[in-house]
Structures are given as structure tokens and as C-alpha cells.
């Protein structure tokens, strides 16, 4: 077994998970030991929204996710052009809510 094969991870993706969950709002909170990312789906004109998925990770993994997202956004914009940010619509902040407590 060569070095590349030793470092590979076999990741299984079930049909249920493969279809994904739509989210148009992310709420991020943290404690000294964890980052909590709540992915929410908000419908226009509806005052109530539900958390569709929650991911809890260590600060180290959160930083790796940040770097991976940044890298992928740069690659996306290189291929498809600059992503325009919505400026004329009032959106809730992407970091809100109380800080999580461990």
C-alpha cells in the first residue's frame, strides 16, 4: 500500500443525506471549546423559521472550514465571476444569538 492509499478516507454518502438541506441563513455561536453552526430556512413573509441542520465542531475544525470555504469561494469566482452581495434587502446578521455555553 503506497502513502497516498494510506491517507485516503472512505466516506459514505447515503441517499437521504445526498439530497442535501436548503438553508438561506446561518447562525453561528461559539464557546471556548465548540463552534455551533445552525442552518436555517426562512420563507419570505414568514416570521418563524426552523433550524434545518446543526453542526457542532471544535475551533480547530471551524478554522479549517473557514479556510476551505475561502479557498472554494476564490476558485468559484475565478470560474464564474464575482459573487454579488445583496445590498438592497434587509437580512438578519449571519452571527447572532447568545454565545453557546459548554
PDB file of N, CA and C in Angstrom:
ATOM      1  N   UNK A   1       0.861  -1.191   0.000  1.00  0.00           N
ATOM      2  CA  UNK A   1       0.000   0.000   0.000  1.00  0.00           C
ATOM      3  C   UNK A   1       0.893   1.235   0.000  1.00  0.00           C
ATOM      4  N   UNK A   2       0.677   2.122  -0.987  1.00  0.00           N
ATOM      5  CA  UNK A   2       1.509   3.321  -1.038  1.00  0.00           C
ATOM      6  C   UNK A   2       0.972   4.395  -0.081  1.00  0.00           C
ATOM      7  N   UNK A   3       1.751   5.470   0.067  1.00  0.00           N
ATOM      8  CA  UNK A   3       1.428   6.536   1.026  1.00  0.00           C
ATOM      9  C   UNK A   3       0.074   7.180   0.726  1.00  0.00           C
ATOM     10  N   UNK A   4      -0.225   7.387  -0.569  1.00  0.00           N
ATOM     11  CA  UNK A   4      -1.488   8.023  -0.955  1.00  0.00           C
ATOM     12  C   UNK A   4      -2.680   7.162  -0.531  1.00  0.00           C
ATOM     13  N   UNK A   5      -2.604   5.850  -0.709  1.00  0.00           N
ATOM     14  CA  UNK A   5      -3.697   4.955  -0.328  1.00  0.00           C
ATOM     15  C   UNK A   5      -3.870   4.918   1.186  1.00  0.00           C
ATOM     16  N   UNK A   6      -2.778   5.013   1.948  1.00  0.00           N
ATOM     17  CA  UNK A   6      -2.866   5.001   3.409  1.00  0.00           C
ATOM     18  C   UNK A   6      -3.600   6.227   3.934  1.00  0.00           C
ATOM     19  N   UNK A   7      -3.472   7.363   3.259  1.00  0.00           N
ATOM     20  CA  UNK A   7      -4.069   8.612   3.720  1.00  0.00           C
ATOM     21  C   UNK A   7      -5.481   8.854   3.196  1.00  0.00           C
ATOM     22  N   UNK A   8      -6.026   7.942   2.393  1.00  0.00           N
ATOM     23  CA  UNK A   8      -7.370   8.112   1.864  1.00  0.00           C
ATOM     24  C   UNK A   8      -8.406   7.702   2.908  1.00  0.00           C
ATOM     25  N   UNK A   9      -9.536   8.408   2.896  1.00  0.00           N
ATOM     26  CA  UNK A   9     -10.639   8.108   3.796  1.00  0.00           C
ATOM     27  C   UNK A   9     -11.817   7.663   2.947  1.00  0.00           C
ATOM     28  N   UNK A  10     -12.447   6.575   3.330  1.00  0.00           N
ATOM     29  CA  UNK A  10     -13.623   6.090   2.639  1.00  0.00           C
ATOM     30  C   UNK A  10     -14.843   6.751   3.274  1.00  0.00           C
ATOM     31  N   UNK A  11     -15.500   7.645   2.545  1.00  0.00           N
ATOM     32  CA  UNK A  11     -16.638   8.398   3.060  1.00  0.00           C
ATOM     33  C   UNK A  11     -17.903   7.893   2.388  1.00  0.00           C
ATOM     34  N   UNK A  12     -18.886   7.522   3.198  1.00  0.00           N
ATOM     35  CA  UNK A  12     -20.159   7.037   2.673  1.00  0.00           C
ATOM     36  C   UNK A  12     -21.179   8.170   2.677  1.00  0.00           C
ATOM     37  N   UNK A  13     -21.919   8.292   1.587  1.00  0.00           N
ATOM     38  CA  UNK A  13     -22.961   9.307   1.452  1.00  0.00           C
ATOM     39  C   UNK A  13     -24.273   8.591   1.172  1.00  0.00           C
ATOM     40  N   UNK A  14     -25.166   8.597   2.160  1.00  0.00           N
ATOM     41  CA  UNK A  14     -26.451   7.928   1.984  1.00  0.00           C
ATOM     42  C   UNK A  14     -27.332   8.732   1.039  1.00  0.00           C
ATOM     43  N   UNK A  15     -28.336   8.080   0.464  1.00  0.00           N
ATOM     44  CA  UNK A  15     -29.258   8.775  -0.439  1.00  0.00           C
ATOM     45  C   UNK A  15     -29.973   9.920   0.273  1.00  0.00           C
ATOM     46  N   UNK A  16     -30.352   9.707   1.529  1.00  0.00           N
ATOM     47  CA  UNK A  16     -31.066  10.731   2.294  1.00  0.00           C
ATOM     48  C   UNK A  16     -30.208  11.980   2.484  1.00  0.00           C
ATOM     49  N   UNK A  17     -28.959  11.793   2.827  1.00  0.00           N
ATOM     50  CA  UNK A  17     -28.054  12.919   3.046  1.00  0.00           C
ATOM     51  C   UNK A  17     -27.638  13.552   1.718  1.00  0.00           C
ATOM     52  N   UNK A  18     -27.523  12.749   0.673  1.00  0.00           N
ATOM     53  CA  UNK A  18     -27.062  13.239  -0.634  1.00  0.00           C
ATOM     54  C   UNK A  18     -27.983  14.303  -1.217  1.00  0.00           C
ATOM     55  N   UNK A  19     -29.269  14.265  -0.884  1.00  0.00           N
ATOM     56  CA  UNK A  19     -30.197  15.254  -1.428  1.00  0.00           C
ATOM     57  C   UNK A  19     -29.990  16.628  -0.805  1.00  0.00           C
ATOM     58  N   UNK A  20     -29.328  16.711   0.333  1.00  0.00           N
ATOM     59  CA  UNK A  20     -28.992  17.990   0.944  1.00  0.00           C
ATOM     60  C   UNK A  20     -30.159  18.645   1.662  1.00  0.00           C
ATOM     61  N   UNK A  21     -29.856  19.739   2.349  1.00  0.00           N
ATOM     62  CA  UNK A  21     -30.837  20.542   3.067  1.00  0.00           C
ATOM     63  C   UNK A  21     -30.620  21.984   2.645  1.00  0.00           C
ATOM     64  N   UNK A  22     -31.674  22.665   2.203  1.00  0.00           N
ATOM     65  CA  UNK A  22     -31.551  24.051   1.777  1.00  0.00           C
ATOM     66  C   UNK A  22     -31.511  24.970   2.993  1.00  0.00           C
ATOM     67  N   UNK A  23     -30.614  25.946   2.948  1.00  0.00           N
ATOM     68  CA  UNK A  23     -30.507  26.938   4.007  1.00  0.00           C
ATOM     69  C   UNK A  23     -30.211  28.291   3.380  1.00  0.00           C
ATOM     70  N   UNK A  24     -30.892  29.341   3.884  1.00  0.00           N
ATOM     71  CA  UNK A  24     -30.594  30.684   3.412  1.00  0.00           C
ATOM     72  C   UNK A  24     -30.208  31.609   4.571  1.00  0.00           C
ATOM     73  N   UNK A  25     -29.903  31.000   5.705  1.00  0.00           N
ATOM     74  CA  UNK A  25     -29.437  31.743   6.874  1.00  0.00           C
ATOM     75  C   UNK A  25     -28.583  30.819   7.735  1.00  0.00           C
ATOM     76  N   UNK A  26     -27.449  31.302   8.181  1.00  0.00           N
ATOM     77  CA  UNK A  26     -26.596  30.553   9.099  1.00  0.00           C
ATOM     78  C   UNK A  26     -26.430  31.361  10.371  1.00  0.00           C
ATOM     79  N   UNK A  27     -26.639  30.710  11.488  1.00  0.00           N
ATOM     80  CA  UNK A  27     -26.441  31.344  12.791  1.00  0.00           C
ATOM     81  C   UNK A  27     -25.254  30.643  13.432  1.00  0.00           C
ATOM     82  N   UNK A  28     -24.254  31.419  13.800  1.00  0.00           N
ATOM     83  CA  UNK A  28     -23.019  30.847  14.331  1.00  0.00           C
ATOM     84  C   UNK A  28     -22.806  31.346  15.747  1.00  0.00           C
ATOM     85  N   UNK A  29     -22.651  30.417  16.674  1.00  0.00           N
ATOM     86  CA  UNK A  29     -22.322  30.751  18.055  1.00  0.00           C
ATOM     87  C   UNK A  29     -21.118  29.914  18.466  1.00  0.00           C
ATOM     88  N   UNK A  30     -20.486  30.310  19.568  1.00  0.00           N
ATOM     89  CA  UNK A  30     -19.301  29.553  19.997  1.00  0.00           C
ATOM     90  C   UNK A  30     -19.080  29.673  21.499  1.00  0.00           C
ATOM     91  N   UNK A  31     -18.349  28.708  21.997  1.00  0.00           N
ATOM     92  CA  UNK A  31     -17.850  28.712  23.369  1.00  0.00           C
ATOM     93  C   UNK A  31     -16.332  28.554  23.250  1.00  0.00           C
ATOM     94  N   UNK A  32     -15.620  28.492  24.352  1.00  0.00           N
ATOM     95  CA  UNK A  32     -14.167  28.279  24.244  1.00  0.00           C
ATOM     96  C   UNK A  32     -13.804  26.939  23.586  1.00  0.00           C
ATOM     97  N   UNK A  33     -14.716  25.971  23.593  1.00  0.00           N
ATOM     98  CA  UNK A  33     -14.377  24.635  23.099  1.00  0.00           C
ATOM     99  C   UNK A  33     -15.142  24.186  21.868  1.00  0.00           C
ATOM    100  N   UNK A  34     -16.185  24.917  21.458  1.00  0.00           N
ATOM    101  CA  UNK A  34     -17.008  24.461  20.338  1.00  0.00           C
ATOM    102  C   UNK A  34     -17.536  25.626  19.513  1.00  0.00           C
ATOM    103  N   UNK A  35     -17.726  25.379  18.233  1.00  0.00           N
ATOM    104  CA  UNK A  35     -18.477  26.263  17.348  1.00  0.00           C
ATOM    105  C   UNK A  35     -19.758  25.532  16.993  1.00  0.00           C
ATOM    106  N   UNK A  36     -20.880  26.256  17.029  1.00  0.00           N
ATOM    107  CA  UNK A  36     -22.175  25.680  16.678  1.00  0.00           C
ATOM    108  C   UNK A  36     -22.689  26.447  15.465  1.00  0.00           C
ATOM    109  N   UNK A  37     -22.936  25.730  14.377  1.00  0.00           N
ATOM    110  CA  UNK A  37     -23.463  26.319  13.159  1.00  0.00           C
ATOM    111  C   UNK A  37     -24.875  25.795  12.958  1.00  0.00           C
ATOM    112  N   UNK A  38     -25.853  26.681  13.057  1.00  0.00           N
ATOM    113  CA  UNK A  38     -27.249  26.337  12.812  1.00  0.00           C
ATOM    114  C   UNK A  38     -27.613  26.842  11.426  1.00  0.00           C
ATOM    115  N   UNK A  39     -28.101  25.945  10.586  1.00  0.00           N
ATOM    116  CA  UNK A  39     -28.515  26.291   9.235  1.00  0.00           C
ATOM    117  C   UNK A  39     -30.036  26.346   9.211  1.00  0.00           C
ATOM    118  N   UNK A  40     -30.561  27.506   8.792  1.00  0.00           N
ATOM    119  CA  UNK A  40     -31.982  27.815   8.889  1.00  0.00           C
ATOM    120  C   UNK A  40     -32.541  28.051   7.496  1.00  0.00           C
ATOM    121  N   UNK A  41     -33.798  27.709   7.320  1.00  0.00           N
ATOM    122  CA  UNK A  41     -34.512  28.026   6.092  1.00  0.00           C
ATOM    123  C   UNK A  41     -35.623  28.999   6.435  1.00  0.00           C
ATOM    124  N   UNK A  42     -35.503  30.225   5.915  1.00  0.00           N
ATOM    125  CA  UNK A  42     -36.506  31.270   6.155  1.00  0.00           C
ATOM    126  C   UNK A  42     -37.326  31.460   4.888  1.00  0.00           C
ATOM    127  N   UNK A  43     -38.634  31.562   5.042  1.00  0.00           N
ATOM    128  CA  UNK A  43     -39.504  31.821   3.901  1.00  0.00           C
ATOM    129  C   UNK A  43     -39.923  33.287   3.939  1.00  0.00           C
ATOM    130  N   UNK A  44     -39.983  33.944   2.786  1.00  0.00           N
ATOM    131  CA  UNK A  44     -40.385  35.354   2.749  1.00  0.00           C
ATOM    132  C   UNK A  44     -41.766  35.567   3.374  1.00  0.00           C
ATOM    133  N   UNK A  45     -41.878  36.607   4.181  1.00  0.00           N
ATOM    134  CA  UNK A  45     -43.148  36.956   4.797  1.00  0.00           C
ATOM    135  C   UNK A  45     -43.561  36.079   5.965  1.00  0.00           C
ATOM    136  N   UNK A  46     -42.692  35.174   6.366  1.00  0.00           N
ATOM    137  CA  UNK A  46     -42.994  34.287   7.488  1.00  0.00           C
ATOM    138  C   UNK A  46     -42.104  34.666   8.656  1.00  0.00           C
ATOM    139  N   UNK A  47     -42.690  35.030   9.801  1.00  0.00           N
ATOM    140  CA  UNK A  47     -41.868  35.470  10.925  1.00  0.00           C
ATOM    141  C   UNK A  47     -41.168  34.333  11.667  1.00  0.00           C
ATOM    142  N   UNK A  48     -41.539  33.094  11.374  1.00  0.00           N
ATOM    143  CA  UNK A  48     -40.961  31.957  12.077  1.00  0.00           C
ATOM    144  C   UNK A  48     -40.106  31.137  11.111  1.00  0.00           C
ATOM    145  N   UNK A  49     -38.957  30.701  11.581  1.00  0.00           N
ATOM    146  CA  UNK A  49     -38.061  29.878  10.774  1.00  0.00           C
ATOM    147  C   UNK A  49     -37.589  28.706  11.618  1.00  0.00           C
ATOM    148  N   UNK A  50     -37.218  27.621  10.962  1.00  0.00           N
ATOM    149  CA  UNK A  50     -36.766  26.430  11.674  1.00  0.00           C
ATOM    150  C   UNK A  50     -35.314  26.126  11.344  1.00  0.00           C
ATOM    151  N   UNK A  51     -34.604  25.680  12.372  1.00  0.00           N
ATOM    152  CA  UNK A  51     -33.250  25.179  12.154  1.00  0.00           C
ATOM    153  C   UNK A  51     -33.397  23.849  11.420  1.00  0.00           C
ATOM    154  N   UNK A  52     -32.765  23.738  10.260  1.00  0.00           N
ATOM    155  CA  UNK A  52     -32.842  22.526   9.451  1.00  0.00           C
ATOM    156  C   UNK A  52     -31.693  21.576   9.739  1.00  0.00           C
ATOM    157  N   UNK A  53     -30.570  22.145  10.201  1.00  0.00           N
ATOM    158  CA  UNK A  53     -29.410  21.303  10.491  1.00  0.00           C
ATOM    159  C   UNK A  53     -28.496  22.041  11.461  1.00  0.00           C
ATOM    160  N   UNK A  54     -27.890  21.312  12.374  1.00  0.00           N
ATOM    161  CA  UNK A  54     -26.937  21.885  13.330  1.00  0.00           C
ATOM    162  C   UNK A  54     -25.641  21.088  13.238  1.00  0.00           C
ATOM    163  N   UNK A  55     -24.548  21.824  13.108  1.00  0.00           N
ATOM    164  CA  UNK A  55     -23.218  21.212  13.078  1.00  0.00           C
ATOM    165  C   UNK A  55     -22.438  21.780  14.255  1.00  0.00           C
ATOM    166  N   UNK A  56     -21.845  20.898  15.044  1.00  0.00           N
ATOM    167  CA  UNK A  56     -21.016  21.293  16.184  1.00  0.00           C
ATOM    168  C   UNK A  56     -19.597  20.822  15.885  1.00  0.00           C
ATOM    169  N   UNK A  57     -18.632  21.740  16.028  1.00  0.00           N
ATOM    170  CA  UNK A  57     -17.242  21.370  15.740  1.00  0.00           C
ATOM    171  C   UNK A  57     -16.273  22.095  16.668  1.00  0.00           C
ATOM    172  N   UNK A  58     -15.068  21.587  16.707  1.00  0.00           N
ATOM    173  CA  UNK A  58     -14.023  22.211  17.520  1.00  0.00           C
ATOM    174  C   UNK A  58     -13.561  23.503  16.850  1.00  0.00           C
ATOM    175  N   UNK A  59     -12.950  24.419  17.605  1.00  0.00           N
ATOM    176  CA  UNK A  59     -12.412  25.634  16.983  1.00  0.00           C
ATOM    177  C   UNK A  59     -11.408  25.328  15.868  1.00  0.00           C
ATOM    178  N   UNK A  60     -10.619  24.271  16.039  1.00  0.00           N
ATOM    179  CA  UNK A  60      -9.638  23.900  15.016  1.00  0.00           C
ATOM    180  C   UNK A  60     -10.340  23.503  13.715  1.00  0.00           C
ATOM    181  N   UNK A  61     -11.414  22.722  13.823  1.00  0.00           N
ATOM    182  CA  UNK A  61     -12.144  22.333  12.621  1.00  0.00           C
ATOM    183  C   UNK A  61     -12.882  23.526  12.013  1.00  0.00           C
ATOM    184  N   UNK A  62     -13.373  24.433  12.845  1.00  0.00           N
ATOM    185  CA  UNK A  62     -14.038  25.640  12.336  1.00  0.00           C
ATOM    186  C   UNK A  62     -13.055  26.471  11.510  1.00  0.00           C
ATOM    187  N   UNK A  63     -11.816  26.577  11.971  1.00  0.00           N
ATOM    188  CA  UNK A  63     -10.810  27.342  11.231  1.00  0.00           C
ATOM    189  C   UNK A  63     -10.485  26.654   9.906  1.00  0.00           C
ATOM    190  N   UNK A  64     -10.411  25.333   9.912  1.00  0.00           N
ATOM    191  CA  UNK A  64     -10.163  24.589   8.671  1.00  0.00           C
ATOM    192  C   UNK A  64     -11.327  24.764   7.695  1.00  0.00           C
ATOM    193  N   UNK A  65     -12.560  24.771   8.225  1.00  0.00           N
ATOM    194  CA  UNK A  65     -13.734  25.002   7.385  1.00  0.00           C
ATOM    195  C   UNK A  65     -13.676  26.403   6.777  1.00  0.00           C
ATOM    196  N   UNK A  66     -13.328  27.397   7.590  1.00  0.00           N
ATOM    197  CA  UNK A  66     -13.198  28.781   7.111  1.00  0.00           C
ATOM    198  C   UNK A  66     -12.200  28.859   5.952  1.00  0.00           C
ATOM    199  N   UNK A  67     -11.044  28.228   6.117  1.00  0.00           N
ATOM    200  CA  UNK A  67     -10.019  28.255   5.066  1.00  0.00           C
ATOM    201  C   UNK A  67     -10.507  27.536   3.812  1.00  0.00           C
ATOM    202  N   UNK A  68     -11.189  26.404   3.984  1.00  0.00           N
ATOM    203  CA  UNK A  68     -11.696  25.652   2.835  1.00  0.00           C
ATOM    204  C   UNK A  68     -12.779  26.447   2.102  1.00  0.00           C
ATOM    205  N   UNK A  69     -13.675  27.115   2.846  1.00  0.00           N
ATOM    206  CA  UNK A  69     -14.707  27.946   2.222  1.00  0.00           C
ATOM    207  C   UNK A  69     -14.081  29.111   1.466  1.00  0.00           C
ATOM    208  N   UNK A  70     -13.098  29.762   2.075  1.00  0.00           N
ATOM    209  CA  UNK A  70     -12.416  30.881   1.446  1.00  0.00           C
ATOM    210  C   UNK A  70     -11.747  30.435   0.146  1.00  0.00           C
ATOM    211  N   UNK A  71     -11.063  29.308   0.188  1.00  0.00           N
ATOM    212  CA  UNK A  71     -10.389  28.771  -0.992  1.00  0.00           C
ATOM    213  C   UNK A  71     -11.407  28.447  -2.089  1.00  0.00           C
ATOM    214  N   UNK A  72     -12.507  27.810  -1.707  1.00  0.00           N
ATOM    215  CA  UNK A  72     -13.526  27.436  -2.690  1.00  0.00           C
ATOM    216  C   UNK A  72     -14.251  28.650  -3.260  1.00  0.00           C
ATOM    217  N   UNK A  73     -14.493  29.676  -2.444  1.00  0.00           N
ATOM    218  CA  UNK A  73     -15.103  30.905  -2.959  1.00  0.00           C
ATOM    219  C   UNK A  73     -14.189  31.573  -3.978  1.00  0.00           C
ATOM    220  N   UNK A  74     -12.903  31.603  -3.698  1.00  0.00           N
ATOM    221  CA  UNK A  74     -11.941  32.182  -4.649  1.00  0.00           C
ATOM    222  C   UNK A  74     -11.951  31.408  -5.968  1.00  0.00           C
ATOM    223  N   UNK A  75     -11.963  30.085  -5.893  1.00  0.00           N
ATOM    224  CA  UNK A  75     -11.999  29.259  -7.103  1.00  0.00           C
ATOM    225  C   UNK A  75     -13.306  29.469  -7.867  1.00  0.00           C
ATOM    226  N   UNK A  76     -14.418  29.542  -7.147  1.00  0.00           N
ATOM    227  CA  UNK A  76     -15.719  29.771  -7.772  1.00  0.00           C
ATOM    228  C   UNK A  76     -15.718  31.090  -8.541  1.00  0.00           C
ATOM    229  N   UNK A  77     -15.247  32.164  -7.872  1.00  0.00           N
ATOM    230  CA  UNK A  77     -15.237  33.481  -8.504  1.00  0.00           C
ATOM    231  C   UNK A  77     -14.266  33.534  -9.686  1.00  0.00           C
ATOM    232  N   UNK A  78     -13.203  32.766  -9.636  1.00  0.00           N
ATOM    233  CA  UNK A  78     -12.281  32.698 -10.776  1.00  0.00           C
ATOM    234  C   UNK A  78     -12.966  32.079 -11.988  1.00  0.00           C
ATOM    235  N   UNK A  79     -13.824  31.094 -11.738  1.00  0.00           N
ATOM    236  CA  UNK A  79     -14.518  30.400 -12.826  1.00  0.00           C
ATOM    237  C   UNK A  79     -15.782  31.119 -13.296  1.00  0.00           C
ATOM    238  N   UNK A  80     -16.539  31.697 -12.373  1.00  0.00           N
ATOM    239  CA  UNK A  80     -17.870  32.197 -12.701  1.00  0.00           C
ATOM    240  C   UNK A  80     -18.058  33.701 -12.489  1.00  0.00           C
ATOM    241  N   UNK A  81     -17.060  34.375 -11.987  1.00  0.00           N
ATOM    242  CA  UNK A  81     -17.172  35.811 -11.746  1.00  0.00           C
ATOM    243  C   UNK A  81     -17.499  36.108 -10.293  1.00  0.00           C
ATOM    244  N   UNK A  82     -17.401  37.384  -9.963  1.00  0.00           N
ATOM    245  CA  UNK A  82     -17.613  37.841  -8.590  1.00  0.00           C
ATOM    246  C   UNK A  82     -19.039  37.578  -8.133  1.00  0.00           C
ATOM    247  N   UNK A  83     -19.165  37.066  -6.934  1.00  0.00           N
ATOM    248  CA  UNK A  83     -20.477  36.854  -6.333  1.00  0.00           C
ATOM    249  C   UNK A  83     -20.953  38.196  -5.813  1.00  0.00           C
ATOM    250  N   UNK A  84     -22.100  38.633  -6.290  1.00  0.00           N
ATOM    251  CA  UNK A  84     -22.646  39.921  -5.859  1.00  0.00           C
ATOM    252  C   UNK A  84     -23.383  39.735  -4.546  1.00  0.00           C
ATOM    253  N   UNK A  85     -23.051  40.570  -3.581  1.00  0.00           N
ATOM    254  CA  UNK A  85     -23.724  40.529  -2.287  1.00  0.00           C
ATOM    255  C   UNK A  85     -25.010  41.339  -2.365  1.00  0.00           C
ATOM    256  N   UNK A  86     -26.051  40.858  -1.698  1.00  0.00           N
ATOM    257  CA  UNK A  86     -27.330  41.553  -1.667  1.00  0.00           C
ATOM    258  C   UNK A  86     -27.182  42.776  -0.777  1.00  0.00           C
ATOM    259  N   UNK A  87     -27.512  43.956  -1.326  1.00  0.00           N
ATOM    260  CA  UNK A  87     -27.372  45.180  -0.543  1.00  0.00           C
ATOM    261  C   UNK A  87     -28.700  45.904  -0.343  1.00  0.00           C
ATOM    262  N   UNK A  88     -29.698  45.635  -1.178  1.00  0.00           N
ATOM    263  CA  UNK A  88     -30.961  46.353  -1.075  1.00  0.00           C
ATOM    264  C   UNK A  88     -32.014  45.590  -0.267  1.00  0.00           C
ATOM    265  N   UNK A  89     -31.637  44.472   0.279  1.00  0.00           N
ATOM    266  CA  UNK A  89     -32.561  43.655   1.047  1.00  0.00           C
ATOM    267  C   UNK A  89     -32.095  43.609   2.499  1.00  0.00           C
ATOM    268  N   UNK A  90     -32.995  43.731   3.422  1.00  0.00           N
ATOM    269  CA  UNK A  90     -32.637  43.672   4.837  1.00  0.00           C
ATOM    270  C   UNK A  90     -32.549  42.203   5.236  1.00  0.00           C
ATOM    271  N   UNK A  91     -31.367  41.788   5.618  1.00  0.00           N
ATOM    272  CA  UNK A  91     -31.137  40.407   6.028  1.00  0.00           C
ATOM    273  C   UNK A  91     -30.671  40.381   7.473  1.00  0.00           C
ATOM    274  N   UNK A  92     -31.057  39.351   8.228  1.00  0.00           N
ATOM    275  CA  UNK A  92     -30.521  39.245   9.585  1.00  0.00           C
ATOM    276  C   UNK A  92     -29.021  38.968   9.521  1.00  0.00           C
ATOM    277  N   UNK A  93     -28.277  39.338  10.537  1.00  0.00           N
ATOM    278  CA  UNK A  93     -26.837  39.079  10.529  1.00  0.00           C
ATOM    279  C   UNK A  93     -26.563  37.580  10.552  1.00  0.00           C
ATOM    280  N   UNK A  94     -25.426  37.191  10.009  1.00  0.00           N
ATOM    281  CA  UNK A  94     -25.087  35.778   9.982  1.00  0.00           C
ATOM    282  C   UNK A  94     -24.516  35.287  11.306  1.00  0.00           C
ATOM    283  N   UNK A  95     -24.181  36.171  12.203  1.00  0.00           N
ATOM    284  CA  UNK A  95     -23.754  35.787  13.540  1.00  0.00           C
ATOM    285  C   UNK A  95     -24.696  36.484  14.506  1.00  0.00           C
ATOM    286  N   UNK A  96     -25.536  35.687  15.152  1.00  0.00           N
ATOM    287  CA  UNK A  96     -26.480  36.287  16.060  1.00  0.00           C
ATOM    288  C   UNK A  96     -26.842  35.296  17.154  1.00  0.00           C
ATOM    289  N   UNK A  97     -27.562  35.739  18.119  1.00  0.00           N
ATOM    290  CA  UNK A  97     -27.976  34.855  19.194  1.00  0.00           C
ATOM    291  C   UNK A  97     -26.972  34.855  20.316  1.00  0.00           C
ATOM    292  N   UNK A  98     -27.344  34.243  21.433  1.00  0.00           N
ATOM    293  CA  UNK A  98     -26.429  34.214  22.576  1.00  0.00           C
ATOM    294  C   UNK A  98     -25.249  33.305  22.298  1.00  0.00           C
ATOM    295  N   UNK A  99     -24.150  33.570  22.969  1.00  0.00           N
ATOM    296  CA  UNK A  99     -22.990  32.694  22.854  1.00  0.00           C
ATOM    297  C   UNK A  99     -23.313  31.345  23.466  1.00  0.00           C
ATOM    298  N   UNK A 100     -22.871  30.283  22.818  1.00  0.00           N
ATOM    299  CA  UNK A 100     -23.124  28.940  23.333  1.00  0.00           C
ATOM    300  C   UNK A 100     -22.302  28.702  24.593  1.00  0.00           C
ATOM    301  N   UNK A 101     -22.826  27.931  25.480  1.00  0.00           N
ATOM    302  CA  UNK A 101     -22.137  27.585  26.722  1.00  0.00           C
ATOM    303  C   UNK A 101     -21.844  26.086  26.715  1.00  0.00           C
ATOM    304  N   UNK A 102     -20.648  25.706  27.054  1.00  0.00           N
ATOM    305  CA  UNK A 102     -20.300  24.282  27.088  1.00  0.00           C
ATOM    306  C   UNK A 102     -20.474  23.742  28.487  1.00  0.00           C
TER     307      UNK A 102
END
